[in-house]
Amino acid sequence: MQCEKCGTELKTKYVACPSCGAPVPQTIEGFENTIEFQHQLRAIVVDNGPRAVMNKKQFIGLLYDHIPDHDKERRLLQNMYNLGVFRMLLADDNREIAIMKAKSFMLGDVFLAENAAEFVLACFTYLIGWPYESPMRIVTDENDHEPVPEKKAVRVSIDDKVFRPIDAVRYRLRSNIEIAEGYTKIESFCFDGFGSLRTVKLPSSLLAIGEYAFSSCKRLRGLELPDSLRVIKQGAFCQCAKLAMVKIPSGILEIEDSTFSFCTSLETIDIPDTVSSIGAEAFSGCEKLRKLYLPESVKFIDTNAFSYCPNLTIHCFENSYVHKFCLSNRIDYRLVTTAGIEDDD
């Protein structure tokens, strides 16, 4: 494989051409024709100029001209383009944040499968000319030339089996409930205001918790989020006054607006290194929250994310986005080293 821009011989392990810095084509698991799409998308720009991709009708027409086959993948790109994913990438000067926002939108709002979202990102970033290393790209072992997937595809079907408010009615007066295995989503407002609820056991099949699903459950104390969970929508646990401890599973990309706002007893919460964004008032009013470690993966925090948290100290890495956020917003912080040892300020 050669670089389209300068002709340098490339290897699949490269993210960018070592000579000119141009992005290297990559294959996304489950989309064996990714490189073909990337080449054809780049050809649209070369043949018609950069403005062609900004004109909706022209770009969709050129997609059909250049890629007459592979209807499923072409429709996927067309739908994401129509939903504004391409413009979302161009809207932020920081590429990492732009990609993070686009991916979060596709997974959290459109409910795409993870590999489908990665296919879209791989195609659109290549079209723009950005090097992008997808966590689901397939690399080739240079010795045996067999494709080696970097990460197993996760087939997300969030709406397969939805637990709805009508299903929750029978639990209104119960203190302890268990949601049966097989459910993939808890719909918005399902348990909103269930004042008797103390503990809830969620199924290992759960992929998404809807908006305000458990809001104002004043006595909710016990909550274990399953490892399968990928989306927690805004306000999901707001005003759960007795909730003291939560562990966010790896795979969650965003802590949305007001997710844990006014959880006044919340003392401990684990944030995994998959989280890249923390929304407005996400932890506002968590007055007992004292110590919070935020990983380097976090690239955006809303100014009011930690408002009314008088005792909070954020633990972070030096010169990380989180460190700079704390300095800018006058939030107490402690620095940690790569070994997890805290530095003395």
C-alpha atoms as a PDB file:
ATOM      1  CA  MET A   1       0.000   0.000   0.000  1.00  0.00           C
ATOM      2  CA  GLN A   2       1.302   3.427  -1.002  1.00  0.00           C
ATOM      3  CA  CYS A   3       0.511   6.894   0.284  1.00  0.00           C
ATOM      4  CA  GLU A   4      -1.919   8.607  -2.107  1.00  0.00           C
ATOM      5  CA  LYS A   5      -0.224  11.936  -1.515  1.00  0.00           C
ATOM      6  CA  CYS A   6       3.512  11.189  -1.813  1.00  0.00           C
ATOM      7  CA  GLY A   7       3.794   7.543  -2.864  1.00  0.00           C
ATOM      8  CA  THR A   8       5.664   6.341   0.248  1.00  0.00           C
ATOM      9  CA  GLU A   9       5.277   2.628   0.985  1.00  0.00           C
ATOM     10  CA  LEU A  10       2.978   2.236   3.981  1.00  0.00           C
ATOM     11  CA  LYS A  11       2.326  -0.446   6.576  1.00  0.00           C
ATOM     12  CA  THR A  12      -1.030  -1.055   8.216  1.00  0.00           C
ATOM     13  CA  LYS A  13       0.431  -0.254  11.637  1.00  0.00           C
ATOM     14  CA  TYR A  14       0.992   3.352  10.522  1.00  0.00           C
ATOM     15  CA  VAL A  15      -1.616   5.974  11.408  1.00  0.00           C
ATOM     16  CA  ALA A  16       0.011   8.711   9.302  1.00  0.00           C
ATOM     17  CA  CYS A  17       2.481   8.626   6.435  1.00  0.00           C
ATOM     18  CA  PRO A  18       5.990   8.998   7.898  1.00  0.00           C
ATOM     19  CA  SER A  19       6.999  11.209   4.958  1.00  0.00           C
ATOM     20  CA  CYS A  20       4.128  13.655   4.466  1.00  0.00           C
ATOM     21  CA  GLY A  21       1.831  13.091   7.467  1.00  0.00           C
ATOM     22  CA  ALA A  22      -1.200  12.155   5.364  1.00  0.00           C
ATOM     23  CA  PRO A  23      -3.653   9.702   6.979  1.00  0.00           C
ATOM     24  CA  VAL A  24      -3.136   6.011   6.283  1.00  0.00           C
ATOM     25  CA  PRO A  25      -6.174   4.026   5.059  1.00  0.00           C
ATOM     26  CA  GLN A  26      -7.470   1.496   7.554  1.00  0.00           C
ATOM     27  CA  THR A  27      -9.976  -1.335   7.642  1.00  0.00           C
ATOM     28  CA  ILE A  28     -12.600  -1.307  10.407  1.00  0.00           C
ATOM     29  CA  GLU A  29     -13.696  -4.654  11.768  1.00  0.00           C
ATOM     30  CA  GLY A  30     -16.935  -5.687  10.112  1.00  0.00           C
ATOM     31  CA  PHE A  31     -16.373  -3.249   7.214  1.00  0.00           C
ATOM     32  CA  GLU A  32     -13.834  -4.954   4.964  1.00  0.00           C
ATOM     33  CA  ASN A  33     -14.371  -2.331   2.241  1.00  0.00           C
ATOM     34  CA  THR A  34     -13.396   0.648   4.453  1.00  0.00           C
ATOM     35  CA  ILE A  35     -10.236   1.395   2.437  1.00  0.00           C
ATOM     36  CA  GLU A  36     -12.196   1.378  -0.823  1.00  0.00           C
ATOM     37  CA  PHE A  37     -14.583   3.950   0.627  1.00  0.00           C
ATOM     38  CA  GLN A  38     -11.713   6.077   1.904  1.00  0.00           C
ATOM     39  CA  HIS A  39     -10.042   6.127  -1.525  1.00  0.00           C
ATOM     40  CA  GLN A  40     -13.279   7.028  -3.283  1.00  0.00           C
ATOM     41  CA  LEU A  41     -14.130   9.760  -0.792  1.00  0.00           C
ATOM     42  CA  ARG A  42     -10.691  11.258  -1.278  1.00  0.00           C
ATOM     43  CA  ALA A  43     -11.217  11.057  -5.040  1.00  0.00           C
ATOM     44  CA  ILE A  44     -14.364  13.182  -4.665  1.00  0.00           C
ATOM     45  CA  VAL A  45     -12.252  15.986  -3.181  1.00  0.00           C
ATOM     46  CA  VAL A  46      -9.468  15.605  -5.759  1.00  0.00           C
ATOM     47  CA  ASP A  47     -11.867  15.575  -8.718  1.00  0.00           C
ATOM     48  CA  ASN A  48     -14.395  18.152  -7.540  1.00  0.00           C
ATOM     49  CA  GLY A  49     -12.636  20.320  -4.953  1.00  0.00           C
ATOM     50  CA  PRO A  50     -13.163  20.678  -1.192  1.00  0.00           C
ATOM     51  CA  ARG A  51     -16.390  22.656  -1.602  1.00  0.00           C
ATOM     52  CA  ALA A  52     -18.124  19.636  -3.093  1.00  0.00           C
ATOM     53  CA  VAL A  53     -18.257  17.888   0.278  1.00  0.00           C
ATOM     54  CA  MET A  54     -19.943  20.893   1.903  1.00  0.00           C
ATOM     55  CA  ASN A  55     -22.837  20.956  -0.564  1.00  0.00           C
ATOM     56  CA  LYS A  56     -25.353  18.355   0.616  1.00  0.00           C
ATOM     57  CA  LYS A  57     -27.023  17.538  -2.695  1.00  0.00           C
ATOM     58  CA  GLN A  58     -23.758  17.533  -4.622  1.00  0.00           C
ATOM     59  CA  PHE A  59     -21.966  15.355  -2.105  1.00  0.00           C
ATOM     60  CA  ILE A  60     -24.776  12.753  -1.922  1.00  0.00           C
ATOM     61  CA  GLY A  61     -24.865  12.624  -5.725  1.00  0.00           C
ATOM     62  CA  LEU A  62     -21.097  12.170  -5.899  1.00  0.00           C
ATOM     63  CA  LEU A  63     -21.319   9.365  -3.312  1.00  0.00           C
ATOM     64  CA  TYR A  64     -23.605   7.435  -5.653  1.00  0.00           C
ATOM     65  CA  ASP A  65     -21.364   8.197  -8.663  1.00  0.00           C
ATOM     66  CA  HIS A  66     -18.134   7.102  -6.987  1.00  0.00           C
ATOM     67  CA  ILE A  67     -19.548   4.218  -4.913  1.00  0.00           C
ATOM     68  CA  PRO A  68     -22.411   2.622  -6.854  1.00  0.00           C
ATOM     69  CA  ASP A  69     -22.103  -0.637  -4.926  1.00  0.00           C
ATOM     70  CA  HIS A  70     -22.153  -1.356  -1.166  1.00  0.00           C
ATOM     71  CA  ASP A  71     -25.572   0.195  -0.532  1.00  0.00           C
ATOM     72  CA  LYS A  72     -25.556  -0.453   3.235  1.00  0.00           C
ATOM     73  CA  GLU A  73     -22.281   1.379   3.869  1.00  0.00           C
ATOM     74  CA  ARG A  74     -23.137   4.216   1.491  1.00  0.00           C
ATOM     75  CA  ARG A  75     -26.500   4.765   3.207  1.00  0.00           C
ATOM     76  CA  LEU A  76     -24.748   4.751   6.579  1.00  0.00           C
ATOM     77  CA  LEU A  77     -22.396   7.538   5.475  1.00  0.00           C
ATOM     78  CA  GLN A  78     -25.259   9.435   3.857  1.00  0.00           C
ATOM     79  CA  ASN A  79     -27.427   9.238   6.984  1.00  0.00           C
ATOM     80  CA  MET A  80     -24.616  10.382   9.280  1.00  0.00           C
ATOM     81  CA  TYR A  81     -23.763  13.203   6.874  1.00  0.00           C
ATOM     82  CA  ASN A  82     -27.435  14.298   6.878  1.00  0.00           C
ATOM     83  CA  LEU A  83     -27.461  14.216  10.689  1.00  0.00           C
ATOM     84  CA  GLY A  84     -24.525  16.620  10.779  1.00  0.00           C
ATOM     85  CA  VAL A  85     -21.673  14.321  11.828  1.00  0.00           C
ATOM     86  CA  PHE A  86     -19.328  15.625   9.126  1.00  0.00           C
ATOM     87  CA  ARG A  87     -19.960  19.262  10.054  1.00  0.00           C
ATOM     88  CA  MET A  88     -19.607  18.312  13.718  1.00  0.00           C
ATOM     89  CA  LEU A  89     -16.048  17.197  13.001  1.00  0.00           C
ATOM     90  CA  LEU A  90     -15.261  20.529  11.370  1.00  0.00           C
ATOM     91  CA  ALA A  91     -16.914  22.623  14.078  1.00  0.00           C
ATOM     92  CA  ASP A  92     -14.148  22.313  16.690  1.00  0.00           C
ATOM     93  CA  ASP A  93     -10.538  23.428  16.334  1.00  0.00           C
ATOM     94  CA  ASN A  94      -9.409  20.586  18.590  1.00  0.00           C
ATOM     95  CA  ARG A  95      -9.498  17.377  16.540  1.00  0.00           C
ATOM     96  CA  GLU A  96      -9.635  15.071  19.558  1.00  0.00           C
ATOM     97  CA  ILE A  97     -12.640  16.877  20.995  1.00  0.00           C
ATOM     98  CA  ALA A  98     -14.361  17.009  17.584  1.00  0.00           C
ATOM     99  CA  ILE A  99     -13.945  13.254  17.100  1.00  0.00           C
ATOM    100  CA  MET A 100     -15.048  12.568  20.668  1.00  0.00           C
ATOM    101  CA  LYS A 101     -18.224  14.637  20.232  1.00  0.00           C
ATOM    102  CA  ALA A 102     -19.052  13.005  16.899  1.00  0.00           C
ATOM    103  CA  LYS A 103     -18.559   9.504  18.286  1.00  0.00           C
ATOM    104  CA  SER A 104     -20.551  10.270  21.425  1.00  0.00           C
ATOM    105  CA  PHE A 105     -23.396  11.591  19.259  1.00  0.00           C
ATOM    106  CA  MET A 106     -23.454   8.492  17.047  1.00  0.00           C
ATOM    107  CA  LEU A 107     -23.360   6.054  19.966  1.00  0.00           C
ATOM    108  CA  GLY A 108     -25.476   7.960  22.473  1.00  0.00           C
ATOM    109  CA  ASP A 109     -28.060   9.726  20.320  1.00  0.00           C
ATOM    110  CA  VAL A 110     -28.250   7.691  17.122  1.00  0.00           C
ATOM    111  CA  PHE A 111     -27.477   4.359  18.856  1.00  0.00           C
ATOM    112  CA  LEU A 112     -25.108   3.118  16.166  1.00  0.00           C
ATOM    113  CA  ALA A 113     -23.105  -0.034  16.716  1.00  0.00           C
ATOM    114  CA  GLU A 114     -19.580   0.820  17.838  1.00  0.00           C
ATOM    115  CA  ASN A 115     -17.912  -0.528  14.703  1.00  0.00           C
ATOM    116  CA  ALA A 116     -20.414   1.347  12.498  1.00  0.00           C
ATOM    117  CA  ALA A 117     -19.536   4.610  14.267  1.00  0.00           C
ATOM    118  CA  GLU A 118     -15.846   3.828  13.812  1.00  0.00           C
ATOM    119  CA  PHE A 119     -16.404   3.173  10.086  1.00  0.00           C
ATOM    120  CA  VAL A 120     -18.010   6.608   9.721  1.00  0.00           C
ATOM    121  CA  LEU A 121     -15.172   8.282  11.634  1.00  0.00           C
ATOM    122  CA  ALA A 122     -12.511   6.453   9.621  1.00  0.00           C
ATOM    123  CA  CYS A 123     -14.125   7.579   6.351  1.00  0.00           C
ATOM    124  CA  PHE A 124     -14.870  11.184   7.296  1.00  0.00           C
ATOM    125  CA  THR A 125     -11.481  11.841   8.934  1.00  0.00           C
ATOM    126  CA  TYR A 126      -9.721  10.411   5.881  1.00  0.00           C
ATOM    127  CA  LEU A 127     -11.867  12.648   3.682  1.00  0.00           C
ATOM    128  CA  ILE A 128     -10.801  15.687   5.714  1.00  0.00           C
ATOM    129  CA  GLY A 129      -7.164  14.567   5.758  1.00  0.00           C
ATOM    130  CA  TRP A 130      -6.886  13.838   9.489  1.00  0.00           C
ATOM    131  CA  PRO A 131      -4.833  10.875  10.736  1.00  0.00           C
ATOM    132  CA  TYR A 132      -7.102   8.849  13.005  1.00  0.00           C
ATOM    133  CA  GLU A 133      -6.293   5.609  14.820  1.00  0.00           C
ATOM    134  CA  SER A 134      -9.517   3.721  15.285  1.00  0.00           C
ATOM    135  CA  PRO A 135      -9.642   1.318  18.246  1.00  0.00           C
ATOM    136  CA  MET A 136     -11.415  -1.126  15.920  1.00  0.00           C
ATOM    137  CA  ARG A 137      -9.042  -1.049  12.952  1.00  0.00           C
ATOM    138  CA  ILE A 138      -7.591  -4.277  11.611  1.00  0.00           C
ATOM    139  CA  VAL A 139      -3.821  -4.483  11.351  1.00  0.00           C
ATOM    140  CA  THR A 140      -1.809  -6.987   9.366  1.00  0.00           C
ATOM    141  CA  ASP A 141       0.958  -9.046  10.903  1.00  0.00           C
ATOM    142  CA  GLU A 142       3.933  -8.277   8.657  1.00  0.00           C
ATOM    143  CA  ASN A 143       5.178 -11.880   8.965  1.00  0.00           C
ATOM    144  CA  ASP A 144       2.126 -13.943   8.047  1.00  0.00           C
ATOM    145  CA  HIS A 145      -0.031 -11.240   6.410  1.00  0.00           C
ATOM    146  CA  GLU A 146      -3.106 -12.386   8.277  1.00  0.00           C
ATOM    147  CA  PRO A 147      -5.494  -9.693   9.537  1.00  0.00           C
ATOM    148  CA  VAL A 148      -5.382  -9.263  13.308  1.00  0.00           C
ATOM    149  CA  PRO A 149      -8.333  -7.410  14.845  1.00  0.00           C
ATOM    150  CA  GLU A 150      -7.270  -4.939  17.503  1.00  0.00           C
ATOM    151  CA  LYS A 151     -10.592  -5.126  19.261  1.00  0.00           C
ATOM    152  CA  LYS A 152     -13.532  -7.450  19.030  1.00  0.00           C
ATOM    153  CA  ALA A 153     -16.598  -5.835  17.493  1.00  0.00           C
ATOM    154  CA  VAL A 154     -19.390  -4.994  19.888  1.00  0.00           C
ATOM    155  CA  ARG A 155     -22.775  -5.396  18.256  1.00  0.00           C
ATOM    156  CA  VAL A 156     -24.939  -2.863  20.020  1.00  0.00           C
ATOM    157  CA  SER A 157     -28.697  -3.227  19.611  1.00  0.00           C
ATOM    158  CA  ILE A 158     -29.995  -0.869  22.258  1.00  0.00           C
ATOM    159  CA  ASP A 159     -33.656  -1.096  21.320  1.00  0.00           C
ATOM    160  CA  ASP A 160     -33.817  -4.903  21.189  1.00  0.00           C
ATOM    161  CA  LYS A 161     -35.802  -5.142  24.417  1.00  0.00           C
ATOM    162  CA  VAL A 162     -36.888  -1.935  26.154  1.00  0.00           C
ATOM    163  CA  PHE A 163     -38.076  -1.721  29.780  1.00  0.00           C
ATOM    164  CA  ARG A 164     -40.827   0.923  29.642  1.00  0.00           C
ATOM    165  CA  PRO A 165     -42.675   3.009  32.274  1.00  0.00           C
ATOM    166  CA  ILE A 166     -45.680   0.716  31.941  1.00  0.00           C
ATOM    167  CA  ASP A 167     -43.422  -2.176  32.987  1.00  0.00           C
ATOM    168  CA  ALA A 168     -42.201  -0.226  36.003  1.00  0.00           C
ATOM    169  CA  VAL A 169     -45.647   0.572  37.436  1.00  0.00           C
ATOM    170  CA  ARG A 170     -45.889  -2.722  39.341  1.00  0.00           C
ATOM    171  CA  TYR A 171     -42.670  -1.877  41.206  1.00  0.00           C
ATOM    172  CA  ARG A 172     -43.800   1.545  42.463  1.00  0.00           C
ATOM    173  CA  LEU A 173     -44.274   0.508  46.103  1.00  0.00           C
ATOM    174  CA  ARG A 174     -41.376  -1.950  46.310  1.00  0.00           C
ATOM    175  CA  SER A 175     -38.110  -1.258  48.100  1.00  0.00           C
ATOM    176  CA  ASN A 176     -35.898  -3.769  46.287  1.00  0.00           C
ATOM    177  CA  ILE A 177     -36.322  -4.732  42.644  1.00  0.00           C
ATOM    178  CA  GLU A 178     -34.546  -6.845  40.064  1.00  0.00           C
ATOM    179  CA  ILE A 179     -34.950  -6.245  36.334  1.00  0.00           C
ATOM    180  CA  ALA A 180     -34.902  -9.483  34.369  1.00  0.00           C
ATOM    181  CA  GLU A 181     -32.063 -10.460  32.046  1.00  0.00           C
ATOM    182  CA  GLY A 182     -32.482  -9.661  28.370  1.00  0.00           C
ATOM    183  CA  TYR A 183     -33.516  -6.024  28.679  1.00  0.00           C
ATOM    184  CA  THR A 184     -31.189  -3.748  26.722  1.00  0.00           C
ATOM    185  CA  LYS A 185     -32.575  -0.326  27.619  1.00  0.00           C
ATOM    186  CA  ILE A 186     -34.442   1.358  30.465  1.00  0.00           C
ATOM    187  CA  GLU A 187     -36.644   3.994  28.894  1.00  0.00           C
ATOM    188  CA  SER A 188     -36.739   7.623  30.012  1.00  0.00           C
ATOM    189  CA  PHE A 189     -38.570   8.460  33.281  1.00  0.00           C
ATOM    190  CA  CYS A 190     -39.198   4.755  34.068  1.00  0.00           C
ATOM    191  CA  PHE A 191     -38.622   4.994  37.822  1.00  0.00           C
ATOM    192  CA  ASP A 192     -38.800   8.780  38.181  1.00  0.00           C
ATOM    193  CA  GLY A 193     -40.050   9.671  41.651  1.00  0.00           C
ATOM    194  CA  PHE A 194     -40.285   6.106  42.986  1.00  0.00           C
ATOM    195  CA  GLY A 195     -39.971   7.117  46.635  1.00  0.00           C
ATOM    196  CA  SER A 196     -39.868   3.587  48.096  1.00  0.00           C
ATOM    197  CA  LEU A 197     -37.071   2.271  45.903  1.00  0.00           C
ATOM    198  CA  ARG A 198     -33.922   1.413  47.875  1.00  0.00           C
ATOM    199  CA  THR A 199     -31.970  -1.051  45.735  1.00  0.00           C
ATOM    200  CA  VAL A 200     -32.159  -2.108  42.108  1.00  0.00           C
ATOM    201  CA  LYS A 201     -30.375  -4.961  40.359  1.00  0.00           C
ATOM    202  CA  LEU A 202     -29.849  -4.291  36.672  1.00  0.00           C
ATOM    203  CA  PRO A 203     -29.453  -7.034  34.035  1.00  0.00           C
ATOM    204  CA  SER A 204     -26.047  -7.863  32.563  1.00  0.00           C
ATOM    205  CA  SER A 205     -27.601  -7.329  29.104  1.00  0.00           C
ATOM    206  CA  LEU A 206     -28.329  -3.634  29.741  1.00  0.00           C
ATOM    207  CA  LEU A 207     -26.854  -1.187  27.224  1.00  0.00           C
ATOM    208  CA  ALA A 208     -28.600   2.121  27.931  1.00  0.00           C
ATOM    209  CA  ILE A 209     -30.342   4.042  30.713  1.00  0.00           C
ATOM    210  CA  GLY A 210     -32.681   6.753  29.444  1.00  0.00           C
ATOM    211  CA  GLU A 211     -33.170  10.358  30.540  1.00  0.00           C
ATOM    212  CA  TYR A 212     -34.256  10.807  34.186  1.00  0.00           C
ATOM    213  CA  ALA A 213     -34.852   7.038  34.434  1.00  0.00           C
ATOM    214  CA  PHE A 214     -34.123   6.998  38.204  1.00  0.00           C
ATOM    215  CA  SER A 215     -34.394  10.693  39.028  1.00  0.00           C
ATOM    216  CA  SER A 216     -35.840  11.709  42.416  1.00  0.00           C
ATOM    217  CA  CYS A 217     -35.622   8.188  43.849  1.00  0.00           C
ATOM    218  CA  LYS A 218     -35.055   9.720  47.268  1.00  0.00           C
ATOM    219  CA  ARG A 219     -34.227   6.471  49.072  1.00  0.00           C
ATOM    220  CA  LEU A 220     -32.160   4.735  46.397  1.00  0.00           C
ATOM    221  CA  ARG A 221     -28.943   3.544  48.043  1.00  0.00           C
ATOM    222  CA  GLY A 222     -27.686   0.453  46.256  1.00  0.00           C
ATOM    223  CA  LEU A 223     -26.819   0.563  42.580  1.00  0.00           C
ATOM    224  CA  GLU A 224     -24.412  -1.585  40.573  1.00  0.00           C
ATOM    225  CA  LEU A 225     -24.115  -0.646  36.916  1.00  0.00           C
ATOM    226  CA  PRO A 226     -23.384  -3.655  34.655  1.00  0.00           C
ATOM    227  CA  ASP A 227     -20.236  -3.843  32.539  1.00  0.00           C
ATOM    228  CA  SER A 228     -22.394  -4.033  29.410  1.00  0.00           C
ATOM    229  CA  LEU A 229     -23.678  -0.475  29.881  1.00  0.00           C
ATOM    230  CA  ARG A 230     -22.676   1.985  27.152  1.00  0.00           C
ATOM    231  CA  VAL A 231     -25.037   4.982  27.505  1.00  0.00           C
ATOM    232  CA  ILE A 232     -26.323   6.900  30.527  1.00  0.00           C
ATOM    233  CA  LYS A 233     -28.550   9.752  29.402  1.00  0.00           C
ATOM    234  CA  GLN A 234     -28.933  13.106  31.104  1.00  0.00           C
ATOM    235  CA  GLY A 235     -30.465  13.370  34.545  1.00  0.00           C
ATOM    236  CA  ALA A 236     -30.596   9.587  34.915  1.00  0.00           C
ATOM    237  CA  PHE A 237     -29.824   9.669  38.665  1.00  0.00           C
ATOM    238  CA  CYS A 238     -30.365  13.299  39.580  1.00  0.00           C
ATOM    239  CA  GLN A 239     -31.762  14.086  43.033  1.00  0.00           C
ATOM    240  CA  CYS A 240     -31.164  10.583  44.385  1.00  0.00           C
ATOM    241  CA  ALA A 241     -30.460  11.997  47.822  1.00  0.00           C
ATOM    242  CA  LYS A 242     -29.349   8.720  49.484  1.00  0.00           C
ATOM    243  CA  LEU A 243     -27.111   7.425  46.680  1.00  0.00           C
ATOM    244  CA  ALA A 244     -23.634   7.233  48.200  1.00  0.00           C
ATOM    245  CA  MET A 245     -21.452   5.220  45.814  1.00  0.00           C
ATOM    246  CA  VAL A 246     -21.430   4.546  42.063  1.00  0.00           C
ATOM    247  CA  LYS A 247     -18.962   2.779  39.785  1.00  0.00           C
ATOM    248  CA  ILE A 248     -19.239   3.849  36.150  1.00  0.00           C
ATOM    249  CA  PRO A 249     -18.391   0.861  33.901  1.00  0.00           C
ATOM    250  CA  SER A 250     -15.684   1.025  31.275  1.00  0.00           C
ATOM    251  CA  GLY A 251     -17.255   1.782  27.908  1.00  0.00           C
ATOM    252  CA  ILE A 252     -19.223   4.869  28.976  1.00  0.00           C
ATOM    253  CA  LEU A 253     -18.010   7.773  26.829  1.00  0.00           C
ATOM    254  CA  GLU A 254     -19.835  10.688  28.417  1.00  0.00           C
ATOM    255  CA  ILE A 255     -21.289  11.793  31.745  1.00  0.00           C
ATOM    256  CA  GLU A 256     -24.214  13.816  30.414  1.00  0.00           C
ATOM    257  CA  ASP A 257     -25.893  16.943  31.802  1.00  0.00           C
ATOM    258  CA  SER A 258     -27.293  16.634  35.353  1.00  0.00           C
ATOM    259  CA  THR A 259     -26.612  12.880  35.507  1.00  0.00           C
ATOM    260  CA  PHE A 260     -25.819  12.947  39.245  1.00  0.00           C
ATOM    261  CA  SER A 261     -26.884  16.478  40.136  1.00  0.00           C
ATOM    262  CA  PHE A 262     -27.971  16.969  43.745  1.00  0.00           C
ATOM    263  CA  CYS A 263     -27.074  13.468  44.819  1.00  0.00           C
ATOM    264  CA  THR A 264     -26.341  15.010  48.179  1.00  0.00           C
ATOM    265  CA  SER A 265     -25.003  11.824  49.790  1.00  0.00           C
ATOM    266  CA  LEU A 266     -22.685  10.851  46.942  1.00  0.00           C
ATOM    267  CA  GLU A 267     -19.188  10.355  48.347  1.00  0.00           C
ATOM    268  CA  THR A 268     -17.484   7.936  45.952  1.00  0.00           C
ATOM    269  CA  ILE A 269     -17.719   7.603  42.181  1.00  0.00           C
ATOM    270  CA  ASP A 270     -15.312   5.815  39.825  1.00  0.00           C
ATOM    271  CA  ILE A 271     -14.803   7.366  36.392  1.00  0.00           C
ATOM    272  CA  PRO A 272     -13.232   4.974  33.819  1.00  0.00           C
ATOM    273  CA  ASP A 273     -10.656   6.020  31.226  1.00  0.00           C
ATOM    274  CA  THR A 274     -13.237   5.684  28.442  1.00  0.00           C
ATOM    275  CA  VAL A 275     -15.041   8.852  29.557  1.00  0.00           C
ATOM    276  CA  SER A 276     -14.099  11.881  27.484  1.00  0.00           C
ATOM    277  CA  SER A 277     -16.800  14.413  28.364  1.00  0.00           C
ATOM    278  CA  ILE A 278     -18.592  15.654  31.501  1.00  0.00           C
ATOM    279  CA  GLY A 279     -21.685  17.754  30.872  1.00  0.00           C
ATOM    280  CA  ALA A 280     -23.383  20.732  32.505  1.00  0.00           C
ATOM    281  CA  GLU A 281     -24.227  20.286  36.200  1.00  0.00           C
ATOM    282  CA  ALA A 282     -23.308  16.596  35.954  1.00  0.00           C
ATOM    283  CA  PHE A 283     -22.293  16.587  39.652  1.00  0.00           C
ATOM    284  CA  SER A 284     -23.782  19.892  40.732  1.00  0.00           C
ATOM    285  CA  GLY A 285     -24.909  19.904  44.358  1.00  0.00           C
ATOM    286  CA  CYS A 286     -23.005  16.738  45.337  1.00  0.00           C
ATOM    287  CA  GLU A 287     -21.995  18.374  48.583  1.00  0.00           C
ATOM    288  CA  LYS A 288     -20.411  15.259  50.145  1.00  0.00           C
ATOM    289  CA  LEU A 289     -18.247  14.461  47.134  1.00  0.00           C
ATOM    290  CA  ARG A 290     -14.699  14.946  48.388  1.00  0.00           C
ATOM    291  CA  LYS A 291     -12.287  13.075  46.156  1.00  0.00           C
ATOM    292  CA  LEU A 292     -12.667  12.417  42.435  1.00  0.00           C
ATOM    293  CA  TYR A 293     -10.060  10.991  40.077  1.00  0.00           C
ATOM    294  CA  LEU A 294     -10.474  12.108  36.465  1.00  0.00           C
ATOM    295  CA  PRO A 295      -8.396  10.266  33.823  1.00  0.00           C
ATOM    296  CA  GLU A 296      -6.491  11.830  30.950  1.00  0.00           C
ATOM    297  CA  SER A 297      -9.195  10.626  28.557  1.00  0.00           C
ATOM    298  CA  VAL A 298     -11.421  13.506  29.733  1.00  0.00           C
ATOM    299  CA  LYS A 299     -11.165  16.267  27.122  1.00  0.00           C
ATOM    300  CA  PHE A 300     -14.222  18.392  27.937  1.00  0.00           C
ATOM    301  CA  ILE A 301     -15.820  19.497  31.211  1.00  0.00           C
ATOM    302  CA  ASP A 302     -18.657  21.999  31.369  1.00  0.00           C
ATOM    303  CA  THR A 303     -17.924  25.027  33.543  1.00  0.00           C
ATOM    304  CA  ASN A 304     -20.811  24.168  35.902  1.00  0.00           C
ATOM    305  CA  ALA A 305     -20.187  20.419  36.057  1.00  0.00           C
ATOM    306  CA  PHE A 306     -19.045  20.623  39.708  1.00  0.00           C
ATOM    307  CA  SER A 307     -20.935  23.664  40.946  1.00  0.00           C
ATOM    308  CA  TYR A 308     -21.984  23.550  44.613  1.00  0.00           C
ATOM    309  CA  CYS A 309     -19.461  20.852  45.481  1.00  0.00           C
ATOM    310  CA  PRO A 310     -17.732  22.710  48.345  1.00  0.00           C
ATOM    311  CA  ASN A 311     -15.562  19.822  49.560  1.00  0.00           C
ATOM    312  CA  LEU A 312     -14.366  18.460  46.222  1.00  0.00           C
ATOM    313  CA  THR A 313     -10.733  17.849  45.339  1.00  0.00           C
ATOM    314  CA  ILE A 314     -10.093  16.528  41.832  1.00  0.00           C
ATOM    315  CA  HIS A 315      -7.148  14.189  41.328  1.00  0.00           C
ATOM    316  CA  CYS A 316      -5.567  14.438  37.878  1.00  0.00           C
ATOM    317  CA  PHE A 317      -2.356  14.322  35.848  1.00  0.00           C
ATOM    318  CA  GLU A 318      -0.143  17.369  35.461  1.00  0.00           C
ATOM    319  CA  ASN A 319      -0.757  19.420  32.298  1.00  0.00           C
ATOM    320  CA  SER A 320      -3.776  17.309  31.386  1.00  0.00           C
ATOM    321  CA  TYR A 321      -7.009  18.941  30.229  1.00  0.00           C
ATOM    322  CA  VAL A 322      -8.465  18.267  33.689  1.00  0.00           C
ATOM    323  CA  HIS A 323      -5.508  19.967  35.397  1.00  0.00           C
ATOM    324  CA  LYS A 324      -5.949  23.069  33.220  1.00  0.00           C
ATOM    325  CA  PHE A 325      -9.710  23.023  33.843  1.00  0.00           C
ATOM    326  CA  CYS A 326      -9.135  23.017  37.604  1.00  0.00           C
ATOM    327  CA  LEU A 327      -6.699  25.918  37.345  1.00  0.00           C
ATOM    328  CA  SER A 328      -9.072  27.934  35.151  1.00  0.00           C
ATOM    329  CA  ASN A 329     -12.093  27.339  37.364  1.00  0.00           C
ATOM    330  CA  ARG A 330     -10.308  27.517  40.729  1.00  0.00           C
ATOM    331  CA  ILE A 331     -11.183  23.972  41.738  1.00  0.00           C
ATOM    332  CA  ASP A 332      -8.992  22.234  44.315  1.00  0.00           C
ATOM    333  CA  TYR A 333      -6.849  19.510  42.796  1.00  0.00           C
ATOM    334  CA  ARG A 334      -4.082  17.041  43.554  1.00  0.00           C
ATOM    335  CA  LEU A 335      -1.635  15.802  40.935  1.00  0.00           C
ATOM    336  CA  VAL A 336      -0.986  12.107  40.447  1.00  0.00           C
ATOM    337  CA  THR A 337       1.876  10.372  38.648  1.00  0.00           C
ATOM    338  CA  THR A 338       1.622   7.648  36.018  1.00  0.00           C
ATOM    339  CA  ALA A 339       2.240   5.155  38.801  1.00  0.00           C
ATOM    340  CA  GLY A 340      -0.845   6.403  40.625  1.00  0.00           C
ATOM    341  CA  ILE A 341       1.196   8.099  43.361  1.00  0.00           C
ATOM    342  CA  GLU A 342      -0.002  11.525  44.430  1.00  0.00           C
ATOM    343  CA  ASP A 343       2.431  14.427  44.167  1.00  0.00           C
ATOM    344  CA  ASP A 344       2.626  16.941  46.944  1.00  0.00           C
ATOM    345  CA  ASP A 345       1.496  20.397  45.842  1.00  0.00           C
END
